[in-house]
Amino acid sequence: MENYEMGKKLGEGGFGQVYLATDKSSGKKVAIKLLSVLDHPLSPHMMNKEIEALAKLKHRHIVKLYRWFPFPKKHQIVLVMEYLEGGELY
């Protein structure tokens, strides 16, 4: 997490929160989703498999997943994703 400067909260759902952040090495804005491992109905192993599948998806209508990693101190998985300006899909 030391590679990112966390900004404002963009949203929250049943399994985690999404924040605007800046990648300190590139200056690029990203969205960081913090998934709670403890509150998720899938086992950590199944969560990893779902995230790996998401990482392989490449389509102009799907938000890109740049990287992901565990954050064991907080019992979370961190997803670093493409940040798209303009608000919600609605």
N, C-alpha and C. Protein backbone atom coordinates (compact mmCIF):
# COMPACT_ATOMS: atom_id res chain seq x y z
N MET A 1 0.82 -1.20 0.00
CA MET A 1 0.00 0.00 0.00
C MET A 1 0.86 1.26 0.00
N GLU A 2 2.15 1.11 0.33
CA GLU A 2 3.02 2.28 0.37
C GLU A 2 3.26 2.90 -1.00
N ASN A 3 2.89 2.18 -2.07
CA ASN A 3 3.07 2.71 -3.42
C ASN A 3 1.91 3.61 -3.87
N TYR A 4 0.91 3.74 -3.01
CA TYR A 4 -0.28 4.50 -3.38
C TYR A 4 -0.61 5.57 -2.36
N GLU A 5 -1.01 6.72 -2.86
CA GLU A 5 -1.50 7.80 -1.99
C GLU A 5 -3.02 7.72 -2.04
N MET A 6 -3.61 7.36 -0.92
CA MET A 6 -5.05 7.16 -0.86
C MET A 6 -5.78 8.50 -0.85
N GLY A 7 -6.89 8.54 -1.57
CA GLY A 7 -7.72 9.74 -1.64
C GLY A 7 -9.10 9.47 -1.08
N LYS A 8 -10.09 10.13 -1.66
CA LYS A 8 -11.45 10.05 -1.14
C LYS A 8 -12.10 8.70 -1.44
N LYS A 9 -13.06 8.35 -0.61
CA LYS A 9 -13.84 7.14 -0.82
C LYS A 9 -14.80 7.38 -1.98
N LEU A 10 -14.82 6.46 -2.94
CA LEU A 10 -15.70 6.57 -4.09
C LEU A 10 -17.00 5.80 -3.90
N GLY A 11 -16.95 4.74 -3.11
CA GLY A 11 -18.15 3.93 -2.91
C GLY A 11 -17.90 2.81 -1.93
N GLU A 12 -19.00 2.14 -1.59
CA GLU A 12 -18.92 1.05 -0.63
C GLU A 12 -20.00 0.03 -0.96
N GLY A 13 -19.66 -1.24 -0.81
CA GLY A 13 -20.61 -2.31 -1.05
C GLY A 13 -20.60 -3.30 0.09
N GLY A 14 -21.18 -4.45 -0.14
CA GLY A 14 -21.30 -5.46 0.90
C GLY A 14 -19.99 -6.07 1.33
N PHE A 15 -18.99 -6.06 0.45
CA PHE A 15 -17.74 -6.74 0.77
C PHE A 15 -16.53 -5.83 0.85
N GLY A 16 -16.73 -4.53 0.68
CA GLY A 16 -15.58 -3.65 0.76
C GLY A 16 -15.87 -2.24 0.30
N GLN A 17 -14.78 -1.46 0.20
CA GLN A 17 -14.87 -0.06 -0.18
C GLN A 17 -13.96 0.20 -1.38
N VAL A 18 -14.27 1.27 -2.12
CA VAL A 18 -13.46 1.69 -3.26
C VAL A 18 -12.99 3.12 -3.01
N TYR A 19 -11.69 3.35 -3.22
CA TYR A 19 -11.09 4.66 -3.00
C TYR A 19 -10.38 5.13 -4.26
N LEU A 20 -10.37 6.43 -4.45
CA LEU A 20 -9.52 7.04 -5.46
C LEU A 20 -8.12 7.10 -4.87
N ALA A 21 -7.12 6.76 -5.66
CA ALA A 21 -5.74 6.80 -5.19
C ALA A 21 -4.84 7.23 -6.34
N THR A 22 -3.62 7.59 -5.98
CA THR A 22 -2.62 7.96 -6.97
C THR A 22 -1.44 7.00 -6.83
N ASP A 23 -1.03 6.43 -7.95
CA ASP A 23 0.15 5.58 -7.97
C ASP A 23 1.36 6.52 -7.86
N LYS A 24 2.12 6.40 -6.80
CA LYS A 24 3.23 7.32 -6.54
C LYS A 24 4.33 7.22 -7.60
N SER A 25 4.52 6.06 -8.20
CA SER A 25 5.60 5.92 -9.18
C SER A 25 5.25 6.52 -10.54
N SER A 26 3.97 6.45 -10.94
CA SER A 26 3.59 6.96 -12.26
C SER A 26 2.77 8.24 -12.22
N GLY A 27 2.20 8.56 -11.05
CA GLY A 27 1.32 9.72 -10.93
C GLY A 27 -0.08 9.46 -11.47
N LYS A 28 -0.35 8.24 -11.89
CA LYS A 28 -1.62 7.87 -12.48
C LYS A 28 -2.70 7.67 -11.41
N LYS A 29 -3.92 8.17 -11.70
CA LYS A 29 -5.05 7.93 -10.81
C LYS A 29 -5.54 6.50 -11.01
N VAL A 30 -5.82 5.83 -9.90
CA VAL A 30 -6.35 4.47 -9.92
C VAL A 30 -7.49 4.37 -8.92
N ALA A 31 -8.28 3.33 -9.08
CA ALA A 31 -9.31 3.00 -8.08
C ALA A 31 -8.79 1.81 -7.30
N ILE A 32 -8.84 1.91 -5.98
CA ILE A 32 -8.40 0.81 -5.13
C ILE A 32 -9.61 0.27 -4.40
N LYS A 33 -9.85 -1.02 -4.61
CA LYS A 33 -10.96 -1.70 -3.93
C LYS A 33 -10.38 -2.58 -2.85
N LEU A 34 -10.86 -2.39 -1.63
CA LEU A 34 -10.41 -3.17 -0.49
C LEU A 34 -11.50 -4.19 -0.16
N LEU A 35 -11.23 -5.47 -0.44
CA LEU A 35 -12.19 -6.53 -0.17
C LEU A 35 -11.92 -7.15 1.19
N SER A 36 -12.95 -7.26 1.99
CA SER A 36 -12.81 -7.88 3.29
C SER A 36 -12.88 -9.40 3.14
N VAL A 37 -11.81 -10.08 3.50
CA VAL A 37 -11.77 -11.53 3.42
C VAL A 37 -12.73 -12.14 4.44
N LEU A 38 -12.85 -11.52 5.59
CA LEU A 38 -13.68 -12.07 6.67
C LEU A 38 -15.17 -12.00 6.36
N ASP A 39 -15.61 -10.98 5.61
CA ASP A 39 -17.03 -10.78 5.34
C ASP A 39 -17.49 -11.42 4.02
N HIS A 40 -16.55 -11.94 3.24
CA HIS A 40 -16.90 -12.46 1.92
C HIS A 40 -17.39 -13.91 2.03
N PRO A 41 -18.46 -14.27 1.29
CA PRO A 41 -18.98 -15.64 1.37
C PRO A 41 -18.06 -16.69 0.73
N LEU A 42 -17.16 -16.27 -0.17
CA LEU A 42 -16.24 -17.22 -0.78
C LEU A 42 -15.02 -17.41 0.12
N SER A 43 -14.44 -18.58 0.06
CA SER A 43 -13.21 -18.83 0.79
C SER A 43 -12.10 -17.99 0.15
N PRO A 44 -11.03 -17.71 0.89
CA PRO A 44 -9.92 -16.94 0.29
C PRO A 44 -9.39 -17.58 -0.99
N HIS A 45 -9.35 -18.91 -1.03
CA HIS A 45 -8.88 -19.60 -2.24
C HIS A 45 -9.80 -19.31 -3.43
N MET A 46 -11.10 -19.37 -3.22
CA MET A 46 -12.06 -19.10 -4.30
C MET A 46 -12.02 -17.62 -4.70
N MET A 47 -11.83 -16.73 -3.73
CA MET A 47 -11.69 -15.31 -4.05
C MET A 47 -10.49 -15.10 -4.98
N ASN A 48 -9.38 -15.75 -4.67
CA ASN A 48 -8.19 -15.63 -5.51
C ASN A 48 -8.46 -16.12 -6.93
N LYS A 49 -9.19 -17.21 -7.06
CA LYS A 49 -9.51 -17.75 -8.40
C LYS A 49 -10.39 -16.78 -9.17
N GLU A 50 -11.37 -16.16 -8.50
CA GLU A 50 -12.25 -15.17 -9.15
C GLU A 50 -11.44 -13.95 -9.60
N ILE A 51 -10.55 -13.49 -8.76
CA ILE A 51 -9.73 -12.32 -9.09
C ILE A 51 -8.79 -12.64 -10.25
N GLU A 52 -8.20 -13.83 -10.25
CA GLU A 52 -7.34 -14.23 -11.36
C GLU A 52 -8.12 -14.26 -12.67
N ALA A 53 -9.36 -14.72 -12.63
CA ALA A 53 -10.20 -14.73 -13.83
C ALA A 53 -10.48 -13.30 -14.29
N LEU A 54 -10.79 -12.41 -13.36
CA LEU A 54 -11.04 -11.01 -13.69
C LEU A 54 -9.80 -10.37 -14.32
N ALA A 55 -8.64 -10.70 -13.81
CA ALA A 55 -7.39 -10.12 -14.32
C ALA A 55 -7.14 -10.51 -15.78
N LYS A 56 -7.67 -11.63 -16.21
CA LYS A 56 -7.47 -12.10 -17.59
C LYS A 56 -8.44 -11.46 -18.57
N LEU A 57 -9.52 -10.84 -18.07
CA LEU A 57 -10.50 -10.24 -18.96
C LEU A 57 -9.96 -8.96 -19.57
N LYS A 58 -10.06 -8.85 -20.86
CA LYS A 58 -9.60 -7.65 -21.57
C LYS A 58 -10.71 -7.24 -22.54
N HIS A 59 -11.40 -6.17 -22.24
CA HIS A 59 -12.48 -5.68 -23.08
C HIS A 59 -12.65 -4.19 -22.81
N ARG A 60 -12.99 -3.44 -23.83
CA ARG A 60 -13.10 -1.98 -23.66
C ARG A 60 -14.25 -1.57 -22.75
N HIS A 61 -15.19 -2.47 -22.48
CA HIS A 61 -16.32 -2.16 -21.61
C HIS A 61 -16.17 -2.74 -20.20
N ILE A 62 -14.99 -3.26 -19.89
CA ILE A 62 -14.72 -3.81 -18.56
C ILE A 62 -13.56 -3.03 -17.95
N VAL A 63 -13.73 -2.60 -16.72
CA VAL A 63 -12.67 -1.87 -16.02
C VAL A 63 -11.46 -2.80 -15.87
N LYS A 64 -10.28 -2.28 -16.17
CA LYS A 64 -9.05 -3.08 -16.12
C LYS A 64 -8.60 -3.27 -14.68
N LEU A 65 -8.21 -4.48 -14.37
CA LEU A 65 -7.58 -4.79 -13.10
C LEU A 65 -6.08 -4.78 -13.34
N TYR A 66 -5.38 -3.81 -12.74
CA TYR A 66 -3.93 -3.69 -12.96
C TYR A 66 -3.14 -4.70 -12.15
N ARG A 67 -3.50 -4.82 -10.87
CA ARG A 67 -2.81 -5.77 -9.99
C ARG A 67 -3.64 -6.02 -8.76
N TRP A 68 -3.28 -7.03 -8.03
CA TRP A 68 -3.95 -7.32 -6.77
C TRP A 68 -2.95 -7.99 -5.83
N PHE A 69 -3.20 -7.84 -4.54
CA PHE A 69 -2.31 -8.42 -3.55
C PHE A 69 -3.04 -8.51 -2.21
N PRO A 70 -2.62 -9.45 -1.36
CA PRO A 70 -3.23 -9.56 -0.03
C PRO A 70 -2.71 -8.46 0.88
N PHE A 71 -3.55 -8.05 1.81
CA PHE A 71 -3.18 -7.08 2.85
C PHE A 71 -3.55 -7.75 4.18
N PRO A 72 -2.71 -8.75 4.60
CA PRO A 72 -3.06 -9.60 5.73
C PRO A 72 -3.29 -8.86 7.05
N LYS A 73 -2.59 -7.76 7.24
CA LYS A 73 -2.72 -7.01 8.50
C LYS A 73 -4.18 -6.57 8.73
N LYS A 74 -4.89 -6.28 7.64
CA LYS A 74 -6.28 -5.82 7.73
C LYS A 74 -7.28 -6.89 7.27
N HIS A 75 -6.80 -8.10 7.00
CA HIS A 75 -7.66 -9.19 6.50
C HIS A 75 -8.39 -8.76 5.23
N GLN A 76 -7.63 -8.18 4.29
CA GLN A 76 -8.21 -7.67 3.06
C GLN A 76 -7.41 -8.13 1.86
N ILE A 77 -8.07 -8.07 0.71
CA ILE A 77 -7.41 -8.22 -0.57
C ILE A 77 -7.55 -6.87 -1.27
N VAL A 78 -6.46 -6.38 -1.84
CA VAL A 78 -6.44 -5.08 -2.49
C VAL A 78 -6.46 -5.26 -4.00
N LEU A 79 -7.43 -4.64 -4.66
CA LEU A 79 -7.51 -4.65 -6.11
C LEU A 79 -7.17 -3.25 -6.61
N VAL A 80 -6.18 -3.14 -7.48
CA VAL A 80 -5.81 -1.86 -8.06
C VAL A 80 -6.36 -1.86 -9.48
N MET A 81 -7.31 -0.96 -9.73
CA MET A 81 -8.04 -0.98 -10.99
C MET A 81 -7.96 0.36 -11.71
N GLU A 82 -8.32 0.31 -12.96
CA GLU A 82 -8.43 1.50 -13.78
C GLU A 82 -9.45 2.44 -13.13
N TYR A 83 -9.13 3.73 -13.08
CA TYR A 83 -10.08 4.71 -12.57
C TYR A 83 -10.74 5.38 -13.76
N LEU A 84 -12.06 5.33 -13.79
CA LEU A 84 -12.83 5.97 -14.85
C LEU A 84 -13.61 7.11 -14.26
N GLU A 85 -13.36 8.32 -14.75
CA GLU A 85 -14.07 9.49 -14.27
C GLU A 85 -15.47 9.51 -14.86
N GLY A 86 -16.35 10.23 -14.20
CA GLY A 86 -17.69 10.42 -14.76
C GLY A 86 -18.81 9.88 -13.90
N GLY A 87 -18.50 9.29 -12.77
CA GLY A 87 -19.56 8.84 -11.88
C GLY A 87 -19.95 7.40 -12.09
N GLU A 88 -21.10 7.08 -11.56
CA GLU A 88 -21.60 5.70 -11.61
C GLU A 88 -22.11 5.34 -12.99
N LEU A 89 -22.24 4.06 -13.21
CA LEU A 89 -22.73 3.55 -14.49
C LEU A 89 -24.14 4.02 -14.80
N TYR A 90 -24.95 4.19 -13.75
CA TYR A 90 -26.34 4.64 -13.96
C TYR A 90 -26.37 5.91 -14.73
